[in-house]
Amino acid sequence: MKALSLKQPWAELVLGGKKKIELRKWNTHFRGRFLIHASKIPDKNAMKIFGFEGLPTGKIMGMAELFEVKGYKDDKEFNKDKKLHLATGNFRGYGFILKNVKRIGPIPAKGKLNFWEFKK
């Protein structure tokens, strides 16, 4: 099954239903279910901002469905979706719109860039 690595706390925010759009600089034609992998190295600044400590890393933590991809070409559209992606600042890239998020695992796994195949 395909998997996507997200740094903590972003993986936890997706699994907790607070983050519904995952931001990426690259586009994908993939649609469907995938595993959510918490990267080994967390985003320390975001951990402080969102008040998290000691979240699991280096593990498959859940699954979601990539429903649609939205392009962000200007600040207006990006800022309109701020409550869905939780990011700050300027961004030019793509928003992966997620639904049907489910917590599973944790299952130890090494992550990779982009979508990757998880084989247990």
PDB file of N, CA and C in Angstrom:
ATOM      1  N   MET A   1       0.840  -1.174   0.000  1.00  0.00           N
ATOM      2  CA  MET A   1       0.000   0.000   0.000  1.00  0.00           C
ATOM      3  C   MET A   1       0.884   1.236   0.000  1.00  0.00           C
ATOM      4  N   LYS A   2       0.417   2.301  -0.654  1.00  0.00           N
ATOM      5  CA  LYS A   2       1.179   3.543  -0.676  1.00  0.00           C
ATOM      6  C   LYS A   2       1.181   4.188   0.709  1.00  0.00           C
ATOM      7  N   ALA A   3       2.246   4.934   0.982  1.00  0.00           N
ATOM      8  CA  ALA A   3       2.386   5.662   2.251  1.00  0.00           C
ATOM      9  C   ALA A   3       2.961   7.039   1.948  1.00  0.00           C
ATOM     10  N   LEU A   4       2.718   7.961   2.875  1.00  0.00           N
ATOM     11  CA  LEU A   4       3.263   9.309   2.771  1.00  0.00           C
ATOM     12  C   LEU A   4       3.797   9.703   4.142  1.00  0.00           C
ATOM     13  N   SER A   5       5.032  10.167   4.180  1.00  0.00           N
ATOM     14  CA  SER A   5       5.653  10.586   5.440  1.00  0.00           C
ATOM     15  C   SER A   5       5.339  12.051   5.724  1.00  0.00           C
ATOM     16  N   LEU A   6       4.922  12.310   6.962  1.00  0.00           N
ATOM     17  CA  LEU A   6       4.655  13.659   7.449  1.00  0.00           C
ATOM     18  C   LEU A   6       5.426  13.832   8.740  1.00  0.00           C
ATOM     19  N   LYS A   7       6.047  14.972   8.922  1.00  0.00           N
ATOM     20  CA  LYS A   7       6.721  15.237  10.192  1.00  0.00           C
ATOM     21  C   LYS A   7       5.672  15.433  11.276  1.00  0.00           C
ATOM     22  N   GLN A   8       6.045  15.100  12.492  1.00  0.00           N
ATOM     23  CA  GLN A   8       5.195  15.428  13.632  1.00  0.00           C
ATOM     24  C   GLN A   8       5.373  16.914  13.932  1.00  0.00           C
ATOM     25  N   PRO A   9       4.387  17.658  14.317  1.00  0.00           N
ATOM     26  CA  PRO A   9       3.055  17.227  14.727  1.00  0.00           C
ATOM     27  C   PRO A   9       2.039  17.153  13.592  1.00  0.00           C
ATOM     28  N   TRP A  10       2.487  17.360  12.335  1.00  0.00           N
ATOM     29  CA  TRP A  10       1.550  17.379  11.216  1.00  0.00           C
ATOM     30  C   TRP A  10       0.816  16.053  11.068  1.00  0.00           C
ATOM     31  N   ALA A  11       1.516  14.937  11.254  1.00  0.00           N
ATOM     32  CA  ALA A  11       0.843  13.630  11.175  1.00  0.00           C
ATOM     33  C   ALA A  11      -0.247  13.530  12.244  1.00  0.00           C
ATOM     34  N   GLU A  12       0.066  13.939  13.457  1.00  0.00           N
ATOM     35  CA  GLU A  12      -0.911  13.886  14.551  1.00  0.00           C
ATOM     36  C   GLU A  12      -2.083  14.825  14.300  1.00  0.00           C
ATOM     37  N   LEU A  13      -1.828  15.989  13.736  1.00  0.00           N
ATOM     38  CA  LEU A  13      -2.903  16.936  13.445  1.00  0.00           C
ATOM     39  C   LEU A  13      -3.850  16.388  12.370  1.00  0.00           C
ATOM     40  N   VAL A  14      -3.306  15.663  11.395  1.00  0.00           N
ATOM     41  CA  VAL A  14      -4.156  14.996  10.394  1.00  0.00           C
ATOM     42  C   VAL A  14      -4.975  13.910  11.074  1.00  0.00           C
ATOM     43  N   LEU A  15      -4.317  13.067  11.860  1.00  0.00           N
ATOM     44  CA  LEU A  15      -5.012  11.948  12.524  1.00  0.00           C
ATOM     45  C   LEU A  15      -6.055  12.431  13.518  1.00  0.00           C
ATOM     46  N   GLY A  16      -5.825  13.576  14.125  1.00  0.00           N
ATOM     47  CA  GLY A  16      -6.772  14.144  15.083  1.00  0.00           C
ATOM     48  C   GLY A  16      -7.906  14.921  14.430  1.00  0.00           C
ATOM     49  N   GLY A  17      -7.903  15.005  13.095  1.00  0.00           N
ATOM     50  CA  GLY A  17      -8.986  15.671  12.380  1.00  0.00           C
ATOM     51  C   GLY A  17      -8.877  17.188  12.328  1.00  0.00           C
ATOM     52  N   LYS A  18      -7.758  17.743  12.773  1.00  0.00           N
ATOM     53  CA  LYS A  18      -7.594  19.196  12.777  1.00  0.00           C
ATOM     54  C   LYS A  18      -7.002  19.730  11.469  1.00  0.00           C
ATOM     55  N   LYS A  19      -6.228  18.902  10.794  1.00  0.00           N
ATOM     56  CA  LYS A  19      -5.586  19.274   9.524  1.00  0.00           C
ATOM     57  C   LYS A  19      -6.196  18.425   8.420  1.00  0.00           C
ATOM     58  N   LYS A  20      -6.863  19.067   7.473  1.00  0.00           N
ATOM     59  CA  LYS A  20      -7.584  18.343   6.429  1.00  0.00           C
ATOM     60  C   LYS A  20      -6.949  18.492   5.048  1.00  0.00           C
ATOM     61  N   ILE A  21      -5.943  19.362   4.960  1.00  0.00           N
ATOM     62  CA  ILE A  21      -5.204  19.544   3.710  1.00  0.00           C
ATOM     63  C   ILE A  21      -3.710  19.447   4.019  1.00  0.00           C
ATOM     64  N   GLU A  22      -3.038  18.526   3.348  1.00  0.00           N
ATOM     65  CA  GLU A  22      -1.586  18.361   3.489  1.00  0.00           C
ATOM     66  C   GLU A  22      -0.912  19.139   2.357  1.00  0.00           C
ATOM     67  N   LEU A  23      -0.004  20.037   2.696  1.00  0.00           N
ATOM     68  CA  LEU A  23       0.670  20.877   1.711  1.00  0.00           C
ATOM     69  C   LEU A  23       1.945  20.225   1.199  1.00  0.00           C
ATOM     70  N   ARG A  24       2.130  20.317  -0.109  1.00  0.00           N
ATOM     71  CA  ARG A  24       3.332  19.799  -0.770  1.00  0.00           C
ATOM     72  C   ARG A  24       3.737  20.743  -1.887  1.00  0.00           C
ATOM     73  N   LYS A  25       5.018  20.748  -2.203  1.00  0.00           N
ATOM     74  CA  LYS A  25       5.520  21.561  -3.320  1.00  0.00           C
ATOM     75  C   LYS A  25       5.271  20.865  -4.660  1.00  0.00           C
ATOM     76  N   TRP A  26       4.945  19.592  -4.620  1.00  0.00           N
ATOM     77  CA  TRP A  26       4.780  18.791  -5.829  1.00  0.00           C
ATOM     78  C   TRP A  26       3.343  18.282  -5.952  1.00  0.00           C
ATOM     79  N   ASN A  27       2.938  18.041  -7.193  1.00  0.00           N
ATOM     80  CA  ASN A  27       1.609  17.526  -7.496  1.00  0.00           C
ATOM     81  C   ASN A  27       1.667  16.004  -7.647  1.00  0.00           C
ATOM     82  N   THR A  28       0.521  15.375  -7.622  1.00  0.00           N
ATOM     83  CA  THR A  28       0.434  13.937  -7.833  1.00  0.00           C
ATOM     84  C   THR A  28      -0.861  13.610  -8.559  1.00  0.00           C
ATOM     85  N   HIS A  29      -0.820  12.546  -9.341  1.00  0.00           N
ATOM     86  CA  HIS A  29      -2.031  12.043  -9.988  1.00  0.00           C
ATOM     87  C   HIS A  29      -2.680  10.962  -9.127  1.00  0.00           C
ATOM     88  N   PHE A  30      -1.989  10.545  -8.078  1.00  0.00           N
ATOM     89  CA  PHE A  30      -2.511   9.494  -7.198  1.00  0.00           C
ATOM     90  C   PHE A  30      -3.773   9.979  -6.484  1.00  0.00           C
ATOM     91  N   ARG A  31      -4.765   9.119  -6.419  1.00  0.00           N
ATOM     92  CA  ARG A  31      -5.962   9.328  -5.618  1.00  0.00           C
ATOM     93  C   ARG A  31      -6.262   7.993  -4.941  1.00  0.00           C
ATOM     94  N   GLY A  32      -6.725   8.054  -3.717  1.00  0.00           N
ATOM     95  CA  GLY A  32      -7.093   6.830  -3.026  1.00  0.00           C
ATOM     96  C   GLY A  32      -6.507   6.759  -1.630  1.00  0.00           C
ATOM     97  N   ARG A  33      -6.611   5.572  -1.021  1.00  0.00           N
ATOM     98  CA  ARG A  33      -6.179   5.352   0.354  1.00  0.00           C
ATOM     99  C   ARG A  33      -4.662   5.215   0.420  1.00  0.00           C
ATOM    100  N   PHE A  34      -4.096   5.749   1.502  1.00  0.00           N
ATOM    101  CA  PHE A  34      -2.660   5.626   1.731  1.00  0.00           C
ATOM    102  C   PHE A  34      -2.409   5.632   3.232  1.00  0.00           C
ATOM    103  N   LEU A  35      -1.254   5.156   3.616  1.00  0.00           N
ATOM    104  CA  LEU A  35      -0.848   5.131   5.019  1.00  0.00           C
ATOM    105  C   LEU A  35      -0.170   6.437   5.398  1.00  0.00           C
ATOM    106  N   ILE A  36      -0.395   6.873   6.618  1.00  0.00           N
ATOM    107  CA  ILE A  36       0.247   8.072   7.144  1.00  0.00           C
ATOM    108  C   ILE A  36       1.418   7.643   8.022  1.00  0.00           C
ATOM    109  N   HIS A  37       2.606   8.050   7.619  1.00  0.00           N
ATOM    110  CA  HIS A  37       3.830   7.717   8.332  1.00  0.00           C
ATOM    111  C   HIS A  37       4.342   8.961   9.052  1.00  0.00           C
ATOM    112  N   ALA A  38       4.610   8.845  10.338  1.00  0.00           N
ATOM    113  CA  ALA A  38       5.225   9.934  11.109  1.00  0.00           C
ATOM    114  C   ALA A  38       6.736   9.835  10.927  1.00  0.00           C
ATOM    115  N   SER A  39       7.319  10.836  10.278  1.00  0.00           N
ATOM    116  CA  SER A  39       8.755  10.845  10.005  1.00  0.00           C
ATOM    117  C   SER A  39       9.573  10.738  11.282  1.00  0.00           C
ATOM    118  N   LYS A  40      10.794  10.261  11.121  1.00  0.00           N
ATOM    119  CA  LYS A  40      11.681  10.071  12.268  1.00  0.00           C
ATOM    120  C   LYS A  40      12.054  11.399  12.952  1.00  0.00           C
ATOM    121  N   ILE A  41      12.202  12.459  12.153  1.00  0.00           N
ATOM    122  CA  ILE A  41      12.599  13.752  12.703  1.00  0.00           C
ATOM    123  C   ILE A  41      11.385  14.687  12.721  1.00  0.00           C
ATOM    124  N   PRO A  42      10.997  15.163  13.905  1.00  0.00           N
ATOM    125  CA  PRO A  42       9.835  16.060  13.997  1.00  0.00           C
ATOM    126  C   PRO A  42      10.174  17.496  13.605  1.00  0.00           C
ATOM    127  N   ASP A  43       9.148  18.277  13.373  1.00  0.00           N
ATOM    128  CA  ASP A  43       9.270  19.715  13.144  1.00  0.00           C
ATOM    129  C   ASP A  43       9.220  20.363  14.522  1.00  0.00           C
ATOM    130  N   LYS A  44      10.384  20.634  15.094  1.00  0.00           N
ATOM    131  CA  LYS A  44      10.466  21.116  16.478  1.00  0.00           C
ATOM    132  C   LYS A  44       9.718  22.423  16.697  1.00  0.00           C
ATOM    133  N   ASN A  45       9.794  23.335  15.735  1.00  0.00           N
ATOM    134  CA  ASN A  45       9.100  24.603  15.862  1.00  0.00           C
ATOM    135  C   ASN A  45       7.583  24.387  15.910  1.00  0.00           C
ATOM    136  N   ALA A  46       7.058  23.566  15.020  1.00  0.00           N
ATOM    137  CA  ALA A  46       5.613  23.289  15.005  1.00  0.00           C
ATOM    138  C   ALA A  46       5.182  22.530  16.256  1.00  0.00           C
ATOM    139  N   MET A  47       6.052  21.678  16.779  1.00  0.00           N
ATOM    140  CA  MET A  47       5.727  20.958  18.018  1.00  0.00           C
ATOM    141  C   MET A  47       5.471  21.970  19.133  1.00  0.00           C
ATOM    142  N   LYS A  48       6.314  22.997  19.219  1.00  0.00           N
ATOM    143  CA  LYS A  48       6.146  24.041  20.247  1.00  0.00           C
ATOM    144  C   LYS A  48       4.880  24.858  20.000  1.00  0.00           C
ATOM    145  N   ILE A  49       4.678  25.265  18.748  1.00  0.00           N
ATOM    146  CA  ILE A  49       3.521  26.101  18.399  1.00  0.00           C
ATOM    147  C   ILE A  49       2.211  25.406  18.772  1.00  0.00           C
ATOM    148  N   PHE A  50       2.112  24.105  18.491  1.00  0.00           N
ATOM    149  CA  PHE A  50       0.872  23.375  18.736  1.00  0.00           C
ATOM    150  C   PHE A  50       0.838  22.701  20.114  1.00  0.00           C
ATOM    151  N   GLY A  51       1.913  22.865  20.894  1.00  0.00           N
ATOM    152  CA  GLY A  51       1.925  22.367  22.265  1.00  0.00           C
ATOM    153  C   GLY A  51       2.068  20.863  22.413  1.00  0.00           C
ATOM    154  N   PHE A  52       2.801  20.226  21.507  1.00  0.00           N
ATOM    155  CA  PHE A  52       3.015  18.780  21.583  1.00  0.00           C
ATOM    156  C   PHE A  52       4.407  18.466  22.104  1.00  0.00           C
ATOM    157  N   GLU A  53       4.522  17.335  22.783  1.00  0.00           N
ATOM    158  CA  GLU A  53       5.813  16.785  23.208  1.00  0.00           C
ATOM    159  C   GLU A  53       5.759  15.274  23.052  1.00  0.00           C
ATOM    160  N   GLY A  54       6.860  14.690  22.660  1.00  0.00           N
ATOM    161  CA  GLY A  54       6.992  13.234  22.666  1.00  0.00           C
ATOM    162  C   GLY A  54       6.035  12.458  21.779  1.00  0.00           C
ATOM    163  N   LEU A  55       5.657  13.003  20.627  1.00  0.00           N
ATOM    164  CA  LEU A  55       4.798  12.263  19.708  1.00  0.00           C
ATOM    165  C   LEU A  55       5.596  11.137  19.056  1.00  0.00           C
ATOM    166  N   PRO A  56       4.943  10.027  18.696  1.00  0.00           N
ATOM    167  CA  PRO A  56       5.649   8.919  18.046  1.00  0.00           C
ATOM    168  C   PRO A  56       6.249   9.342  16.707  1.00  0.00           C
ATOM    169  N   THR A  57       7.422   8.821  16.410  1.00  0.00           N
ATOM    170  CA  THR A  57       8.084   9.075  15.133  1.00  0.00           C
ATOM    171  C   THR A  57       8.587   7.752  14.564  1.00  0.00           C
ATOM    172  N   GLY A  58       8.830   7.745  13.255  1.00  0.00           N
ATOM    173  CA  GLY A  58       9.345   6.540  12.597  1.00  0.00           C
ATOM    174  C   GLY A  58       8.331   5.400  12.569  1.00  0.00           C
ATOM    175  N   LYS A  59       7.046   5.755  12.485  1.00  0.00           N
ATOM    176  CA  LYS A  59       5.995   4.728  12.536  1.00  0.00           C
ATOM    177  C   LYS A  59       4.830   5.086  11.618  1.00  0.00           C
ATOM    178  N   ILE A  60       4.193   4.049  11.078  1.00  0.00           N
ATOM    179  CA  ILE A  60       2.908   4.199  10.409  1.00  0.00           C
ATOM    180  C   ILE A  60       1.894   4.438  11.517  1.00  0.00           C
ATOM    181  N   MET A  61       1.139   5.526  11.412  1.00  0.00           N
ATOM    182  CA  MET A  61       0.223   5.913  12.482  1.00  0.00           C
ATOM    183  C   MET A  61      -1.254   5.870  12.074  1.00  0.00           C
ATOM    184  N   GLY A  62      -1.517   5.843  10.775  1.00  0.00           N
ATOM    185  CA  GLY A  62      -2.908   5.862  10.342  1.00  0.00           C
ATOM    186  C   GLY A  62      -3.027   5.744   8.844  1.00  0.00           C
ATOM    187  N   MET A  63      -4.237   5.995   8.371  1.00  0.00           N
ATOM    188  CA  MET A  63      -4.483   5.988   6.935  1.00  0.00           C
ATOM    189  C   MET A  63      -5.493   7.067   6.597  1.00  0.00           C
ATOM    190  N   ALA A  64      -5.499   7.463   5.336  1.00  0.00           N
ATOM    191  CA  ALA A  64      -6.411   8.489   4.861  1.00  0.00           C
ATOM    192  C   ALA A  64      -6.658   8.260   3.379  1.00  0.00           C
ATOM    193  N   GLU A  65      -7.591   9.010   2.861  1.00  0.00           N
ATOM    194  CA  GLU A  65      -7.873   8.968   1.431  1.00  0.00           C
ATOM    195  C   GLU A  65      -7.527  10.324   0.836  1.00  0.00           C
ATOM    196  N   LEU A  66      -6.698  10.304  -0.204  1.00  0.00           N
ATOM    197  CA  LEU A  66      -6.414  11.525  -0.958  1.00  0.00           C
ATOM    198  C   LEU A  66      -7.547  11.669  -1.963  1.00  0.00           C
ATOM    199  N   PHE A  67      -8.386  12.660  -1.713  1.00  0.00           N
ATOM    200  CA  PHE A  67      -9.612  12.847  -2.471  1.00  0.00           C
ATOM    201  C   PHE A  67      -9.407  13.747  -3.680  1.00  0.00           C
ATOM    202  N   GLU A  68      -8.630  14.809  -3.492  1.00  0.00           N
ATOM    203  CA  GLU A  68      -8.449  15.805  -4.538  1.00  0.00           C
ATOM    204  C   GLU A  68      -7.167  16.582  -4.264  1.00  0.00           C
ATOM    205  N   VAL A  69      -6.603  17.195  -5.299  1.00  0.00           N
ATOM    206  CA  VAL A  69      -5.436  18.051  -5.149  1.00  0.00           C
ATOM    207  C   VAL A  69      -5.814  19.455  -5.609  1.00  0.00           C
ATOM    208  N   LYS A  70      -5.459  20.430  -4.798  1.00  0.00           N
ATOM    209  CA  LYS A  70      -5.779  21.823  -5.072  1.00  0.00           C
ATOM    210  C   LYS A  70      -4.484  22.594  -5.269  1.00  0.00           C
ATOM    211  N   GLY A  71      -4.406  23.388  -6.324  1.00  0.00           N
ATOM    212  CA  GLY A  71      -3.225  24.215  -6.569  1.00  0.00           C
ATOM    213  C   GLY A  71      -3.338  25.550  -5.856  1.00  0.00           C
ATOM    214  N   TYR A  72      -2.251  25.961  -5.222  1.00  0.00           N
ATOM    215  CA  TYR A  72      -2.192  27.274  -4.566  1.00  0.00           C
ATOM    216  C   TYR A  72      -1.239  28.158  -5.356  1.00  0.00           C
ATOM    217  N   LYS A  73      -1.827  29.101  -6.106  1.00  0.00           N
ATOM    218  CA  LYS A  73      -1.027  29.998  -6.927  1.00  0.00           C
ATOM    219  C   LYS A  73      -0.977  31.407  -6.362  1.00  0.00           C
ATOM    220  N   ASP A  74      -1.873  31.689  -5.400  1.00  0.00           N
ATOM    221  CA  ASP A  74      -1.876  33.033  -4.816  1.00  0.00           C
ATOM    222  C   ASP A  74      -2.213  32.974  -3.333  1.00  0.00           C
ATOM    223  N   ASP A  75      -1.896  34.049  -2.639  1.00  0.00           N
ATOM    224  CA  ASP A  75      -2.116  34.123  -1.193  1.00  0.00           C
ATOM    225  C   ASP A  75      -3.591  34.070  -0.826  1.00  0.00           C
ATOM    226  N   LYS A  76      -4.452  34.626  -1.677  1.00  0.00           N
ATOM    227  CA  LYS A  76      -5.883  34.684  -1.369  1.00  0.00           C
ATOM    228  C   LYS A  76      -6.461  33.289  -1.146  1.00  0.00           C
ATOM    229  N   GLU A  77      -6.221  32.386  -2.062  1.00  0.00           N
ATOM    230  CA  GLU A  77      -6.750  31.021  -1.940  1.00  0.00           C
ATOM    231  C   GLU A  77      -6.091  30.274  -0.778  1.00  0.00           C
ATOM    232  N   PHE A  78      -4.793  30.462  -0.631  1.00  0.00           N
ATOM    233  CA  PHE A  78      -4.054  29.824   0.457  1.00  0.00           C
ATOM    234  C   PHE A  78      -4.589  30.277   1.814  1.00  0.00           C
ATOM    235  N   ASN A  79      -4.767  31.564   1.974  1.00  0.00           N
ATOM    236  CA  ASN A  79      -5.261  32.111   3.240  1.00  0.00           C
ATOM    237  C   ASN A  79      -6.705  31.711   3.511  1.00  0.00           C
ATOM    238  N   LYS A  80      -7.499  31.551   2.477  1.00  0.00           N
ATOM    239  CA  LYS A  80      -8.889  31.115   2.628  1.00  0.00           C
ATOM    240  C   LYS A  80      -8.971  29.732   3.275  1.00  0.00           C
ATOM    241  N   ASP A  81      -7.987  28.874   2.982  1.00  0.00           N
ATOM    242  CA  ASP A  81      -7.972  27.491   3.490  1.00  0.00           C
ATOM    243  C   ASP A  81      -7.129  27.321   4.753  1.00  0.00           C
ATOM    244  N   LYS A  82      -6.698  28.418   5.372  1.00  0.00           N
ATOM    245  CA  LYS A  82      -5.775  28.357   6.519  1.00  0.00           C
ATOM    246  C   LYS A  82      -6.252  27.425   7.630  1.00  0.00           C
ATOM    247  N   LYS A  83      -7.557  27.395   7.924  1.00  0.00           N
ATOM    248  CA  LYS A  83      -8.085  26.525   8.982  1.00  0.00           C
ATOM    249  C   LYS A  83      -8.045  25.051   8.596  1.00  0.00           C
ATOM    250  N   LEU A  84      -7.846  24.765   7.324  1.00  0.00           N
ATOM    251  CA  LEU A  84      -7.798  23.379   6.854  1.00  0.00           C
ATOM    252  C   LEU A  84      -6.379  22.835   6.734  1.00  0.00           C
ATOM    253  N   HIS A  85      -5.396  23.716   6.473  1.00  0.00           N
ATOM    254  CA  HIS A  85      -4.011  23.244   6.350  1.00  0.00           C
ATOM    255  C   HIS A  85      -3.128  23.681   7.521  1.00  0.00           C
ATOM    256  N   LEU A  86      -3.547  24.679   8.278  1.00  0.00           N
ATOM    257  CA  LEU A  86      -2.878  25.144   9.506  1.00  0.00           C
ATOM    258  C   LEU A  86      -1.511  25.774   9.303  1.00  0.00           C
ATOM    259  N   ALA A  87      -1.126  26.042   8.076  1.00  0.00           N
ATOM    260  CA  ALA A  87       0.193  26.623   7.803  1.00  0.00           C
ATOM    261  C   ALA A  87       0.148  28.143   7.864  1.00  0.00           C
ATOM    262  N   THR A  88       1.314  28.739   8.048  1.00  0.00           N
ATOM    263  CA  THR A  88       1.432  30.185   8.055  1.00  0.00           C
ATOM    264  C   THR A  88       2.375  30.608   6.938  1.00  0.00           C
ATOM    265  N   GLY A  89       2.427  31.877   6.674  1.00  0.00           N
ATOM    266  CA  GLY A  89       3.343  32.386   5.665  1.00  0.00           C
ATOM    267  C   GLY A  89       2.800  32.224   4.265  1.00  0.00           C
ATOM    268  N   ASN A  90       3.689  32.418   3.308  1.00  0.00           N
ATOM    269  CA  ASN A  90       3.331  32.301   1.898  1.00  0.00           C
ATOM    270  C   ASN A  90       3.660  30.901   1.409  1.00  0.00           C
ATOM    271  N   PHE A  91       2.866  30.418   0.456  1.00  0.00           N
ATOM    272  CA  PHE A  91       3.093  29.076  -0.064  1.00  0.00           C
ATOM    273  C   PHE A  91       2.632  29.015  -1.505  1.00  0.00           C
ATOM    274  N   ARG A  92       3.450  28.433  -2.335  1.00  0.00           N
ATOM    275  CA  ARG A  92       3.074  28.142  -3.717  1.00  0.00           C
ATOM    276  C   ARG A  92       3.279  26.656  -3.910  1.00  0.00           C
ATOM    277  N   GLY A  93       2.224  25.956  -4.178  1.00  0.00           N
ATOM    278  CA  GLY A  93       2.324  24.515  -4.355  1.00  0.00           C
ATOM    279  C   GLY A  93       0.951  23.892  -4.405  1.00  0.00           C
ATOM    280  N   TYR A  94       0.801  22.748  -3.722  1.00  0.00           N
ATOM    281  CA  TYR A  94      -0.411  21.948  -3.834  1.00  0.00           C
ATOM    282  C   TYR A  94      -0.927  21.538  -2.472  1.00  0.00           C
ATOM    283  N   GLY A  95      -2.231  21.459  -2.372  1.00  0.00           N
ATOM    284  CA  GLY A  95      -2.885  20.987  -1.167  1.00  0.00           C
ATOM    285  C   GLY A  95      -3.559  19.661  -1.441  1.00  0.00           C
ATOM    286  N   PHE A  96      -3.138  18.623  -0.719  1.00  0.00           N
ATOM    287  CA  PHE A  96      -3.745  17.301  -0.852  1.00  0.00           C
ATOM    288  C   PHE A  96      -4.946  17.257   0.081  1.00  0.00           C
ATOM    289  N   ILE A  97      -6.141  17.212  -0.480  1.00  0.00           N
ATOM    290  CA  ILE A  97      -7.365  17.225   0.313  1.00  0.00           C
ATOM    291  C   ILE A  97      -7.654  15.806   0.790  1.00  0.00           C
ATOM    292  N   LEU A  98      -7.718  15.656   2.120  1.00  0.00           N
ATOM    293  CA  LEU A  98      -7.831  14.345   2.747  1.00  0.00           C
ATOM    294  C   LEU A  98      -9.223  14.124   3.322  1.00  0.00           C
ATOM    295  N   LYS A  99      -9.651  12.874   3.309  1.00  0.00           N
ATOM    296  CA  LYS A  99     -10.892  12.486   3.982  1.00  0.00           C
ATOM    297  C   LYS A  99     -10.749  11.055   4.467  1.00  0.00           C
ATOM    298  N   ASN A 100     -11.735  10.602   5.237  1.00  0.00           N
ATOM    299  CA  ASN A 100     -11.766   9.230   5.776  1.00  0.00           C
ATOM    300  C   ASN A 100     -10.470   8.867   6.511  1.00  0.00           C
ATOM    301  N   VAL A 101     -10.040   9.749   7.377  1.00  0.00           N
ATOM    302  CA  VAL A 101      -8.815   9.534   8.160  1.00  0.00           C
ATOM    303  C   VAL A 101      -9.112   8.554   9.289  1.00  0.00           C
ATOM    304  N   LYS A 102      -8.192   7.620   9.478  1.00  0.00           N
ATOM    305  CA  LYS A 102      -8.371   6.587  10.497  1.00  0.00           C
ATOM    306  C   LYS A 102      -7.032   6.314  11.173  1.00  0.00           C
ATOM    307  N   ARG A 103      -7.043   6.233  12.490  1.00  0.00           N
ATOM    308  CA  ARG A 103      -5.832   5.933  13.255  1.00  0.00           C
ATOM    309  C   ARG A 103      -5.630   4.417  13.284  1.00  0.00           C
ATOM    310  N   ILE A 104      -4.405   3.978  13.009  1.00  0.00           N
ATOM    311  CA  ILE A 104      -4.040   2.556  13.115  1.00  0.00           C
ATOM    312  C   ILE A 104      -2.645   2.480  13.732  1.00  0.00           C
ATOM    313  N   GLY A 105      -2.151   1.266  13.905  1.00  0.00           N
ATOM    314  CA  GLY A 105      -0.766   1.101  14.357  1.00  0.00           C
ATOM    315  C   GLY A 105      -0.574   1.433  15.818  1.00  0.00           C
ATOM    316  N   PRO A 106       0.589   1.861  16.211  1.00  0.00           N
ATOM    317  CA  PRO A 106       1.719   2.223  15.366  1.00  0.00           C
ATOM    318  C   PRO A 106       2.487   1.000  14.847  1.00  0.00           C
ATOM    319  N   ILE A 107       3.028   1.156  13.647  1.00  0.00           N
ATOM    320  CA  ILE A 107       3.816   0.112  13.005  1.00  0.00           C
ATOM    321  C   ILE A 107       5.165   0.720  12.632  1.00  0.00           C
ATOM    322  N   PRO A 108       6.273   0.231  13.197  1.00  0.00           N
ATOM    323  CA  PRO A 108       7.588   0.788  12.856  1.00  0.00           C
ATOM    324  C   PRO A 108       7.849   0.718  11.348  1.00  0.00           C
ATOM    325  N   ALA A 109       8.380   1.812  10.797  1.00  0.00           N
ATOM    326  CA  ALA A 109       8.681   1.861   9.363  1.00  0.00           C
ATOM    327  C   ALA A 109       9.648   3.008   9.089  1.00  0.00           C
ATOM    328  N   LYS A 110      10.493   2.808   8.089  1.00  0.00           N
ATOM    329  CA  LYS A 110      11.373   3.877   7.620  1.00  0.00           C
ATOM    330  C   LYS A 110      10.635   4.616   6.518  1.00  0.00           C
ATOM    331  N   GLY A 111      10.642   5.924   6.583  1.00  0.00           N
ATOM    332  CA  GLY A 111       9.948   6.729   5.589  1.00  0.00           C
ATOM    333  C   GLY A 111      10.791   7.006   4.360  1.00  0.00           C
ATOM    334  N   LYS A 112      10.159   7.610   3.376  1.00  0.00           N
ATOM    335  CA  LYS A 112      10.812   8.026   2.137  1.00  0.00           C
ATOM    336  C   LYS A 112      10.157   9.311   1.663  1.00  0.00           C
ATOM    337  N   LEU A 113      10.720   9.915   0.651  1.00  0.00           N
ATOM    338  CA  LEU A 113      10.133  11.099   0.049  1.00  0.00           C
ATOM    339  C   LEU A 113       9.013  10.694  -0.907  1.00  0.00           C
ATOM    340  N   ASN A 114       8.081  11.626  -1.136  1.00  0.00           N
ATOM    341  CA  ASN A 114       6.941  11.399  -2.018  1.00  0.00           C
ATOM    342  C   ASN A 114       6.092  10.230  -1.512  1.00  0.00           C
ATOM    343  N   PHE A 115       5.196   9.734  -2.339  1.00  0.00           N
ATOM    344  CA  PHE A 115       4.459   8.522  -1.979  1.00  0.00           C
ATOM    345  C   PHE A 115       5.400   7.342  -2.169  1.00  0.00           C
ATOM    346  N   TRP A 116       5.340   6.386  -1.284  1.00  0.00           N
ATOM    347  CA  TRP A 116       6.209   5.214  -1.352  1.00  0.00           C
ATOM    348  C   TRP A 116       5.406   3.980  -0.972  1.00  0.00           C
ATOM    349  N   GLU A 117       5.890   2.821  -1.391  1.00  0.00           N
ATOM    350  CA  GLU A 117       5.208   1.551  -1.128  1.00  0.00           C
ATOM    351  C   GLU A 117       5.648   1.001   0.223  1.00  0.00           C
ATOM    352  N   PHE A 118       4.683   0.786   1.111  1.00  0.00           N
ATOM    353  CA  PHE A 118       4.966   0.157   2.394  1.00  0.00           C
ATOM    354  C   PHE A 118       4.727  -1.329   2.247  1.00  0.00           C
ATOM    355  N   LYS A 119       5.754  -2.099   2.597  1.00  0.00           N
ATOM    356  CA  LYS A 119       5.658  -3.562   2.576  1.00  0.00           C
ATOM    357  C   LYS A 119       5.998  -4.058   3.947  1.00  0.00           C
ATOM    358  N   LYS A 120       5.045  -4.678   4.579  1.00  0.00           N
ATOM    359  CA  LYS A 120       5.244  -5.146   5.950  1.00  0.00           C
ATOM    360  C   LYS A 120       6.125  -6.356   5.987  1.00  0.00           C
TER     361      LYS A 120
END
